[in-house]
C-alpha cells in the first residue's frame, strides 16, 4: 500500500443516473444546496467559483446553532471525469484534499470519493470520528436528488 493510500479514506457508489446528471448535481449551486450536508441540515452556497483556482464555501447551521463551514479551492477539473479540491470542514476536519471521480456505466454513474489526509494518524482519527458515516449520509442525499432529477 502506498503512503498516499495510508492517508486516504475512500467511498464508492453507483448512482442510478447518467454521468451528466451526477456531474450537474456536483457542480451547480442550486443542486449542491440540496445534498451537501447530512440529513436534517440545510446547506447555503456562499461561494462557488467552479474553475481551477476557484474558491468554494458552503455553510450549514448545526442543531446547536453553531455554523459548520466547508471551504476549499479547486485544483483539478476534468469534465465528467474528476474534481479535485483542497478542503476544510470546520470545526472537524482541516487540510485535506477531496477527489470526486466519475465513470460512465451505461445509464448509471460509478463514483469514487477520496479524502486524502495530511498524515495516516489524522486519517485514523477522522475515521474514529465517523467520517465514513458522515459522507455516507451526504451521498444518500445525493443519490435521492439524482434519482429525482432522473425521473
N, C-alpha and C. Protein backbone atom coordinates (compact mmCIF):
# COMPACT_ATOMS: atom_id res chain seq x y z
N UNK A 1 0.85 -1.19 0.00
CA UNK A 1 0.00 0.00 0.00
C UNK A 1 0.90 1.24 0.00
N UNK A 2 0.60 2.18 -0.87
CA UNK A 2 1.43 3.38 -0.94
C UNK A 2 1.15 4.29 0.24
N UNK A 3 2.06 5.22 0.46
CA UNK A 3 1.93 6.17 1.56
C UNK A 3 0.65 7.00 1.40
N UNK A 4 0.32 7.41 0.17
CA UNK A 4 -0.92 8.19 -0.05
C UNK A 4 -2.15 7.35 0.29
N UNK A 5 -2.13 6.07 -0.04
CA UNK A 5 -3.26 5.20 0.30
C UNK A 5 -3.46 5.11 1.81
N UNK A 6 -2.37 5.13 2.56
CA UNK A 6 -2.46 5.08 4.02
C UNK A 6 -3.13 6.32 4.59
N UNK A 7 -3.15 7.39 3.82
CA UNK A 7 -3.74 8.66 4.28
C UNK A 7 -5.13 8.90 3.70
N UNK A 8 -5.65 7.94 2.94
CA UNK A 8 -6.88 8.17 2.18
C UNK A 8 -8.05 7.34 2.68
N UNK A 9 -9.20 7.99 2.80
CA UNK A 9 -10.48 7.32 3.05
C UNK A 9 -11.22 7.34 1.72
N UNK A 10 -11.72 6.16 1.30
CA UNK A 10 -12.39 6.06 0.01
C UNK A 10 -13.81 5.54 0.18
N UNK A 11 -14.75 6.19 -0.49
CA UNK A 11 -16.14 5.72 -0.56
C UNK A 11 -16.47 5.52 -2.04
N UNK A 12 -17.16 4.42 -2.34
CA UNK A 12 -17.57 4.14 -3.72
C UNK A 12 -19.07 3.91 -3.76
N UNK A 13 -19.68 4.39 -4.83
CA UNK A 13 -21.12 4.21 -5.04
C UNK A 13 -21.38 4.10 -6.53
N UNK A 14 -22.50 3.54 -6.85
CA UNK A 14 -23.02 3.62 -8.22
C UNK A 14 -24.36 4.32 -8.14
N UNK A 15 -24.45 5.45 -8.83
CA UNK A 15 -25.70 6.21 -8.86
C UNK A 15 -26.53 5.76 -10.05
N UNK A 16 -27.82 5.62 -9.85
CA UNK A 16 -28.73 5.19 -10.90
C UNK A 16 -29.17 6.40 -11.72
N UNK A 17 -28.17 7.06 -12.31
CA UNK A 17 -28.42 8.25 -13.13
C UNK A 17 -27.23 8.42 -14.06
N UNK A 18 -27.47 9.02 -15.23
CA UNK A 18 -26.37 9.23 -16.18
C UNK A 18 -25.31 10.19 -15.62
N UNK A 19 -24.11 10.05 -16.13
CA UNK A 19 -22.98 10.83 -15.63
C UNK A 19 -23.24 12.34 -15.73
N UNK A 20 -23.89 12.79 -16.78
CA UNK A 20 -24.15 14.22 -16.96
C UNK A 20 -24.99 14.76 -15.79
N UNK A 21 -25.94 13.98 -15.34
CA UNK A 21 -26.80 14.39 -14.24
C UNK A 21 -26.04 14.42 -12.90
N UNK A 22 -25.23 13.42 -12.66
CA UNK A 22 -24.44 13.37 -11.43
C UNK A 22 -23.44 14.53 -11.42
N UNK A 23 -22.83 14.79 -12.57
CA UNK A 23 -21.89 15.91 -12.70
C UNK A 23 -22.60 17.23 -12.39
N UNK A 24 -23.79 17.43 -12.95
CA UNK A 24 -24.54 18.66 -12.70
C UNK A 24 -24.86 18.81 -11.21
N UNK A 25 -25.22 17.71 -10.56
CA UNK A 25 -25.52 17.77 -9.12
C UNK A 25 -24.31 18.21 -8.32
N UNK A 26 -23.11 17.83 -8.78
CA UNK A 26 -21.86 18.19 -8.10
C UNK A 26 -21.41 19.60 -8.39
N UNK A 27 -21.81 20.16 -9.54
CA UNK A 27 -21.20 21.40 -9.99
C UNK A 27 -22.12 22.60 -10.01
N UNK A 28 -23.41 22.42 -9.82
CA UNK A 28 -24.34 23.54 -9.87
C UNK A 28 -24.86 23.87 -8.47
N UNK A 29 -24.66 25.13 -8.04
CA UNK A 29 -25.01 25.52 -6.68
C UNK A 29 -26.44 25.19 -6.28
N UNK A 30 -27.40 25.33 -7.22
CA UNK A 30 -28.79 25.06 -6.86
C UNK A 30 -29.00 23.59 -6.50
N UNK A 31 -28.17 22.70 -7.02
CA UNK A 31 -28.25 21.28 -6.66
C UNK A 31 -27.44 20.99 -5.40
N UNK A 32 -26.25 21.58 -5.30
CA UNK A 32 -25.37 21.35 -4.14
C UNK A 32 -26.12 21.66 -2.85
N UNK A 33 -26.90 22.73 -2.86
CA UNK A 33 -27.64 23.14 -1.66
C UNK A 33 -28.59 22.05 -1.16
N UNK A 34 -28.97 21.11 -2.03
CA UNK A 34 -29.93 20.07 -1.65
C UNK A 34 -29.30 18.79 -1.11
N UNK A 35 -27.97 18.65 -1.24
CA UNK A 35 -27.41 17.37 -0.79
C UNK A 35 -26.10 17.48 -0.01
N UNK A 36 -25.44 18.62 -0.03
CA UNK A 36 -24.11 18.72 0.55
C UNK A 36 -24.18 18.92 2.06
N UNK A 37 -24.84 18.07 2.76
CA UNK A 37 -24.85 18.09 4.23
C UNK A 37 -25.58 16.84 4.70
N UNK A 38 -25.29 16.45 5.93
CA UNK A 38 -26.04 15.31 6.47
C UNK A 38 -27.52 15.65 6.56
N UNK A 39 -28.35 14.63 6.57
CA UNK A 39 -29.79 14.79 6.63
C UNK A 39 -30.16 15.66 7.82
N UNK A 40 -31.07 16.57 7.60
CA UNK A 40 -31.54 17.43 8.69
C UNK A 40 -30.86 18.79 8.73
N UNK A 41 -29.79 18.97 7.95
CA UNK A 41 -29.12 20.26 7.90
C UNK A 41 -29.35 20.90 6.54
N UNK A 42 -29.35 22.23 6.53
CA UNK A 42 -29.54 22.97 5.29
C UNK A 42 -28.21 23.58 4.88
N UNK A 43 -27.88 23.45 3.60
CA UNK A 43 -26.62 23.99 3.07
C UNK A 43 -26.88 25.31 2.37
N UNK A 44 -26.05 26.31 2.69
CA UNK A 44 -26.06 27.58 1.96
C UNK A 44 -24.78 27.65 1.15
N UNK A 45 -24.92 27.85 -0.15
CA UNK A 45 -23.76 28.02 -1.01
C UNK A 45 -23.38 29.49 -0.97
N UNK A 46 -22.30 29.81 -0.26
CA UNK A 46 -21.85 31.19 -0.08
C UNK A 46 -20.99 31.62 -1.26
N UNK A 47 -20.14 30.71 -1.72
CA UNK A 47 -19.25 30.99 -2.85
C UNK A 47 -19.08 29.71 -3.64
N UNK A 48 -19.08 29.84 -4.97
CA UNK A 48 -18.93 28.66 -5.83
C UNK A 48 -18.35 29.11 -7.17
N UNK A 49 -17.03 29.18 -7.22
CA UNK A 49 -16.33 29.61 -8.43
C UNK A 49 -15.74 28.35 -9.06
N UNK A 50 -16.56 27.66 -9.85
CA UNK A 50 -16.20 26.33 -10.35
C UNK A 50 -15.22 26.41 -11.52
N UNK A 51 -13.95 26.57 -11.15
CA UNK A 51 -12.84 26.55 -12.10
C UNK A 51 -11.57 26.25 -11.32
N UNK A 52 -10.55 25.79 -12.00
CA UNK A 52 -9.27 25.54 -11.32
C UNK A 52 -8.80 26.86 -10.72
N UNK A 53 -8.48 26.82 -9.43
CA UNK A 53 -8.09 28.03 -8.70
C UNK A 53 -9.26 28.76 -8.08
N UNK A 54 -10.49 28.31 -8.40
CA UNK A 54 -11.69 28.95 -7.86
C UNK A 54 -11.99 28.48 -6.44
N UNK A 55 -12.56 29.38 -5.66
CA UNK A 55 -12.91 29.06 -4.27
C UNK A 55 -14.35 28.58 -4.17
N UNK A 56 -14.59 27.71 -3.19
CA UNK A 56 -15.95 27.33 -2.85
C UNK A 56 -16.08 27.42 -1.33
N UNK A 57 -17.28 27.77 -0.89
CA UNK A 57 -17.55 27.90 0.55
C UNK A 57 -19.04 27.64 0.76
N UNK A 58 -19.32 26.66 1.61
CA UNK A 58 -20.70 26.31 1.95
C UNK A 58 -20.83 26.36 3.47
N UNK A 59 -21.97 26.77 3.97
CA UNK A 59 -22.20 26.77 5.41
C UNK A 59 -23.44 25.96 5.74
N UNK A 60 -23.43 25.38 6.93
CA UNK A 60 -24.58 24.64 7.45
C UNK A 60 -24.75 25.03 8.90
N UNK A 61 -25.98 25.29 9.29
CA UNK A 61 -26.23 25.58 10.70
C UNK A 61 -26.52 24.28 11.42
N UNK A 62 -25.72 24.01 12.46
CA UNK A 62 -25.87 22.78 13.23
C UNK A 62 -27.08 22.91 14.17
N UNK A 63 -27.51 21.77 14.70
CA UNK A 63 -28.67 21.78 15.60
C UNK A 63 -28.42 22.68 16.81
N UNK A 64 -27.15 22.82 17.24
CA UNK A 64 -26.85 23.65 18.42
C UNK A 64 -26.70 25.13 18.06
N UNK A 65 -26.93 25.47 16.78
CA UNK A 65 -26.86 26.87 16.37
C UNK A 65 -25.49 27.29 15.84
N UNK A 66 -24.46 26.47 16.07
CA UNK A 66 -23.14 26.80 15.56
C UNK A 66 -23.08 26.58 14.06
N UNK A 67 -22.18 27.32 13.42
CA UNK A 67 -22.02 27.23 11.98
C UNK A 67 -20.93 26.22 11.63
N UNK A 68 -21.26 25.32 10.72
CA UNK A 68 -20.30 24.37 10.16
C UNK A 68 -19.90 24.94 8.81
N UNK A 69 -18.60 25.14 8.59
CA UNK A 69 -18.14 25.78 7.37
C UNK A 69 -17.30 24.80 6.55
N UNK A 70 -17.68 24.64 5.29
CA UNK A 70 -16.92 23.81 4.35
C UNK A 70 -16.37 24.75 3.28
N UNK A 71 -15.06 24.66 3.04
CA UNK A 71 -14.50 25.52 2.00
C UNK A 71 -13.24 24.89 1.41
N UNK A 72 -12.86 25.40 0.24
CA UNK A 72 -11.66 24.91 -0.40
C UNK A 72 -11.41 25.63 -1.70
N UNK A 73 -10.40 25.13 -2.42
CA UNK A 73 -10.01 25.69 -3.71
C UNK A 73 -9.92 24.53 -4.70
N UNK A 74 -10.55 24.69 -5.85
CA UNK A 74 -10.48 23.66 -6.89
C UNK A 74 -9.07 23.59 -7.46
N UNK A 75 -8.50 22.39 -7.51
CA UNK A 75 -7.13 22.21 -8.00
C UNK A 75 -7.07 21.48 -9.35
N UNK A 76 -8.09 20.69 -9.65
CA UNK A 76 -8.12 19.98 -10.93
C UNK A 76 -9.57 19.66 -11.29
N UNK A 77 -9.93 19.97 -12.53
CA UNK A 77 -11.29 19.68 -13.01
C UNK A 77 -11.17 19.12 -14.43
N UNK A 78 -11.70 17.93 -14.63
CA UNK A 78 -11.82 17.35 -15.97
C UNK A 78 -13.29 16.97 -16.12
N UNK A 79 -13.99 17.64 -17.05
CA UNK A 79 -15.43 17.47 -17.17
C UNK A 79 -15.83 16.00 -17.31
N UNK A 80 -16.81 15.60 -16.52
CA UNK A 80 -17.38 14.24 -16.49
C UNK A 80 -16.35 13.18 -16.05
N UNK A 81 -15.23 13.63 -15.48
CA UNK A 81 -14.22 12.67 -15.05
C UNK A 81 -13.77 12.88 -13.61
N UNK A 82 -13.36 14.12 -13.27
CA UNK A 82 -12.87 14.31 -11.90
C UNK A 82 -12.91 15.77 -11.47
N UNK A 83 -13.05 15.92 -10.15
CA UNK A 83 -13.00 17.22 -9.49
C UNK A 83 -12.12 17.02 -8.26
N UNK A 84 -10.99 17.72 -8.20
CA UNK A 84 -10.10 17.67 -7.04
C UNK A 84 -10.11 19.05 -6.40
N UNK A 85 -10.03 19.06 -5.08
CA UNK A 85 -10.08 20.32 -4.35
C UNK A 85 -9.39 20.18 -3.00
N UNK A 86 -8.79 21.27 -2.55
CA UNK A 86 -8.42 21.33 -1.15
C UNK A 86 -9.73 21.46 -0.38
N UNK A 87 -9.71 21.11 0.90
CA UNK A 87 -10.97 21.18 1.65
C UNK A 87 -10.73 21.30 3.14
N UNK A 88 -11.58 22.11 3.76
CA UNK A 88 -11.67 22.23 5.21
C UNK A 88 -13.13 22.07 5.58
N UNK A 89 -13.38 21.35 6.65
CA UNK A 89 -14.74 21.17 7.16
C UNK A 89 -14.69 21.55 8.63
N UNK A 90 -14.75 22.85 8.89
CA UNK A 90 -14.54 23.36 10.25
C UNK A 90 -15.84 23.27 11.04
N UNK A 91 -15.77 22.77 12.25
CA UNK A 91 -14.58 22.64 13.08
C UNK A 91 -13.97 21.23 13.11
N UNK A 92 -14.39 20.31 12.25
CA UNK A 92 -13.97 18.91 12.43
C UNK A 92 -12.75 18.49 11.63
N UNK A 93 -12.63 18.92 10.40
CA UNK A 93 -11.58 18.42 9.53
C UNK A 93 -10.95 19.58 8.78
N UNK A 94 -9.62 19.62 8.77
CA UNK A 94 -8.95 20.69 8.03
C UNK A 94 -7.75 20.14 7.27
N UNK A 95 -7.45 20.80 6.15
CA UNK A 95 -6.24 20.49 5.41
C UNK A 95 -6.25 19.18 4.66
N UNK A 96 -7.42 18.78 4.14
CA UNK A 96 -7.50 17.55 3.36
C UNK A 96 -7.68 17.91 1.88
N UNK A 97 -7.51 16.90 1.04
CA UNK A 97 -7.86 17.03 -0.37
C UNK A 97 -9.03 16.09 -0.62
N UNK A 98 -10.03 16.58 -1.36
CA UNK A 98 -11.12 15.69 -1.75
C UNK A 98 -11.02 15.46 -3.26
N UNK A 99 -11.30 14.23 -3.64
CA UNK A 99 -11.23 13.82 -5.04
C UNK A 99 -12.53 13.12 -5.40
N UNK A 100 -13.28 13.72 -6.31
CA UNK A 100 -14.52 13.13 -6.80
C UNK A 100 -14.24 12.60 -8.20
N UNK A 101 -14.39 11.28 -8.37
CA UNK A 101 -14.09 10.62 -9.65
C UNK A 101 -15.37 10.03 -10.21
N UNK A 102 -15.65 10.33 -11.47
CA UNK A 102 -16.89 9.92 -12.13
C UNK A 102 -16.55 8.98 -13.28
N UNK A 103 -17.32 7.90 -13.41
CA UNK A 103 -17.09 6.96 -14.50
C UNK A 103 -18.44 6.54 -15.07
N UNK A 104 -18.59 6.72 -16.37
CA UNK A 104 -19.84 6.35 -17.03
C UNK A 104 -19.99 4.84 -17.02
N UNK A 105 -21.21 4.39 -16.69
CA UNK A 105 -21.52 2.95 -16.66
C UNK A 105 -22.90 2.79 -17.28
N UNK A 106 -22.96 2.92 -18.61
CA UNK A 106 -24.26 2.89 -19.29
C UNK A 106 -25.08 4.08 -18.86
N UNK A 107 -26.29 3.83 -18.34
CA UNK A 107 -27.13 4.93 -17.85
C UNK A 107 -26.95 5.16 -16.35
N UNK A 108 -25.90 4.58 -15.79
CA UNK A 108 -25.56 4.77 -14.38
C UNK A 108 -24.21 5.48 -14.29
N UNK A 109 -23.82 5.86 -13.09
CA UNK A 109 -22.53 6.52 -12.88
C UNK A 109 -21.82 5.84 -11.72
N UNK A 110 -20.62 5.32 -11.99
CA UNK A 110 -19.76 4.82 -10.92
C UNK A 110 -19.03 6.03 -10.34
N UNK A 111 -19.01 6.11 -9.02
CA UNK A 111 -18.47 7.27 -8.34
C UNK A 111 -17.51 6.82 -7.25
N UNK A 112 -16.35 7.44 -7.23
CA UNK A 112 -15.36 7.18 -6.18
C UNK A 112 -15.03 8.52 -5.53
N UNK A 113 -15.04 8.53 -4.21
CA UNK A 113 -14.74 9.75 -3.46
C UNK A 113 -13.58 9.45 -2.51
N UNK A 114 -12.49 10.18 -2.69
CA UNK A 114 -11.31 10.03 -1.84
C UNK A 114 -11.14 11.27 -0.98
N UNK A 115 -10.84 11.05 0.29
CA UNK A 115 -10.48 12.14 1.20
C UNK A 115 -9.03 11.85 1.61
N UNK A 116 -8.11 12.67 1.12
CA UNK A 116 -6.69 12.46 1.37
C UNK A 116 -6.26 13.37 2.51
N UNK A 117 -5.81 12.75 3.60
CA UNK A 117 -5.41 13.47 4.81
C UNK A 117 -3.91 13.75 4.79
N UNK A 118 -3.46 14.75 5.54
CA UNK A 118 -2.03 15.07 5.58
C UNK A 118 -1.18 13.93 6.16
N UNK A 119 -1.74 13.17 7.11
CA UNK A 119 -0.99 12.07 7.72
C UNK A 119 -1.90 10.86 7.92
N UNK A 120 -1.29 9.70 8.07
CA UNK A 120 -2.06 8.49 8.36
C UNK A 120 -2.75 8.60 9.72
N UNK A 121 -2.07 9.20 10.68
CA UNK A 121 -2.66 9.36 12.02
C UNK A 121 -3.94 10.20 11.97
N UNK A 122 -3.91 11.26 11.16
CA UNK A 122 -5.08 12.12 11.02
C UNK A 122 -6.23 11.34 10.37
N UNK A 123 -5.91 10.52 9.37
CA UNK A 123 -6.94 9.69 8.72
C UNK A 123 -7.59 8.77 9.75
N UNK A 124 -6.78 8.12 10.57
CA UNK A 124 -7.30 7.19 11.58
C UNK A 124 -8.20 7.95 12.56
N UNK A 125 -7.77 9.12 12.99
CA UNK A 125 -8.57 9.95 13.90
C UNK A 125 -9.91 10.30 13.26
N UNK A 126 -9.88 10.70 11.98
CA UNK A 126 -11.11 11.07 11.29
C UNK A 126 -12.06 9.88 11.13
N UNK A 127 -11.50 8.71 10.87
CA UNK A 127 -12.34 7.50 10.77
C UNK A 127 -13.00 7.21 12.10
N UNK A 128 -12.28 7.38 13.20
CA UNK A 128 -12.86 7.15 14.53
C UNK A 128 -13.97 8.17 14.83
N UNK A 129 -13.85 9.37 14.26
CA UNK A 129 -14.87 10.41 14.47
C UNK A 129 -16.11 10.18 13.62
N UNK A 130 -16.07 9.23 12.67
CA UNK A 130 -17.25 8.90 11.90
C UNK A 130 -17.31 9.50 10.50
N UNK A 131 -16.14 9.78 9.92
CA UNK A 131 -16.12 10.40 8.59
C UNK A 131 -16.87 9.56 7.55
N UNK A 132 -16.79 8.24 7.64
CA UNK A 132 -17.49 7.39 6.66
C UNK A 132 -19.00 7.51 6.79
N UNK A 133 -19.49 7.54 8.02
CA UNK A 133 -20.94 7.70 8.22
C UNK A 133 -21.41 9.06 7.75
N UNK A 134 -20.62 10.10 8.04
CA UNK A 134 -20.99 11.45 7.64
C UNK A 134 -21.11 11.58 6.13
N UNK A 135 -20.06 11.18 5.42
CA UNK A 135 -20.11 11.26 3.96
C UNK A 135 -21.11 10.27 3.39
N UNK A 136 -21.27 9.12 4.02
CA UNK A 136 -22.26 8.15 3.54
C UNK A 136 -23.65 8.75 3.52
N UNK A 137 -24.00 9.50 4.58
CA UNK A 137 -25.34 10.11 4.63
C UNK A 137 -25.46 11.23 3.60
N UNK A 138 -24.38 11.96 3.35
CA UNK A 138 -24.39 13.01 2.33
C UNK A 138 -24.65 12.38 0.96
N UNK A 139 -23.98 11.27 0.69
CA UNK A 139 -24.14 10.64 -0.63
C UNK A 139 -25.49 9.94 -0.78
N UNK A 140 -26.12 9.56 0.34
CA UNK A 140 -27.51 9.09 0.28
C UNK A 140 -28.40 10.21 -0.24
N UNK A 141 -28.17 11.42 0.27
CA UNK A 141 -28.95 12.58 -0.16
C UNK A 141 -28.68 12.89 -1.63
N UNK A 142 -27.42 12.77 -2.06
CA UNK A 142 -27.08 12.97 -3.47
C UNK A 142 -27.79 11.93 -4.34
N UNK A 143 -27.81 10.69 -3.88
CA UNK A 143 -28.48 9.61 -4.60
C UNK A 143 -29.97 9.93 -4.77
N UNK A 144 -30.60 10.39 -3.70
CA UNK A 144 -32.02 10.75 -3.74
C UNK A 144 -32.25 11.89 -4.75
N UNK A 145 -31.36 12.89 -4.73
CA UNK A 145 -31.51 14.02 -5.64
C UNK A 145 -31.36 13.58 -7.11
N UNK A 146 -30.30 12.84 -7.43
CA UNK A 146 -30.10 12.47 -8.84
C UNK A 146 -31.18 11.51 -9.31
N UNK A 147 -31.70 10.68 -8.43
CA UNK A 147 -32.81 9.79 -8.80
C UNK A 147 -34.03 10.61 -9.15
N UNK A 148 -34.30 11.65 -8.34
CA UNK A 148 -35.45 12.52 -8.57
C UNK A 148 -35.26 13.29 -9.88
N UNK A 149 -34.06 13.80 -10.11
CA UNK A 149 -33.79 14.55 -11.34
C UNK A 149 -33.88 13.67 -12.57
N UNK A 150 -33.59 12.37 -12.38
CA UNK A 150 -33.56 11.42 -13.49
C UNK A 150 -34.94 10.87 -13.84
N UNK A 151 -35.94 11.12 -12.98
CA UNK A 151 -37.26 10.51 -13.24
C UNK A 151 -38.15 11.39 -14.09
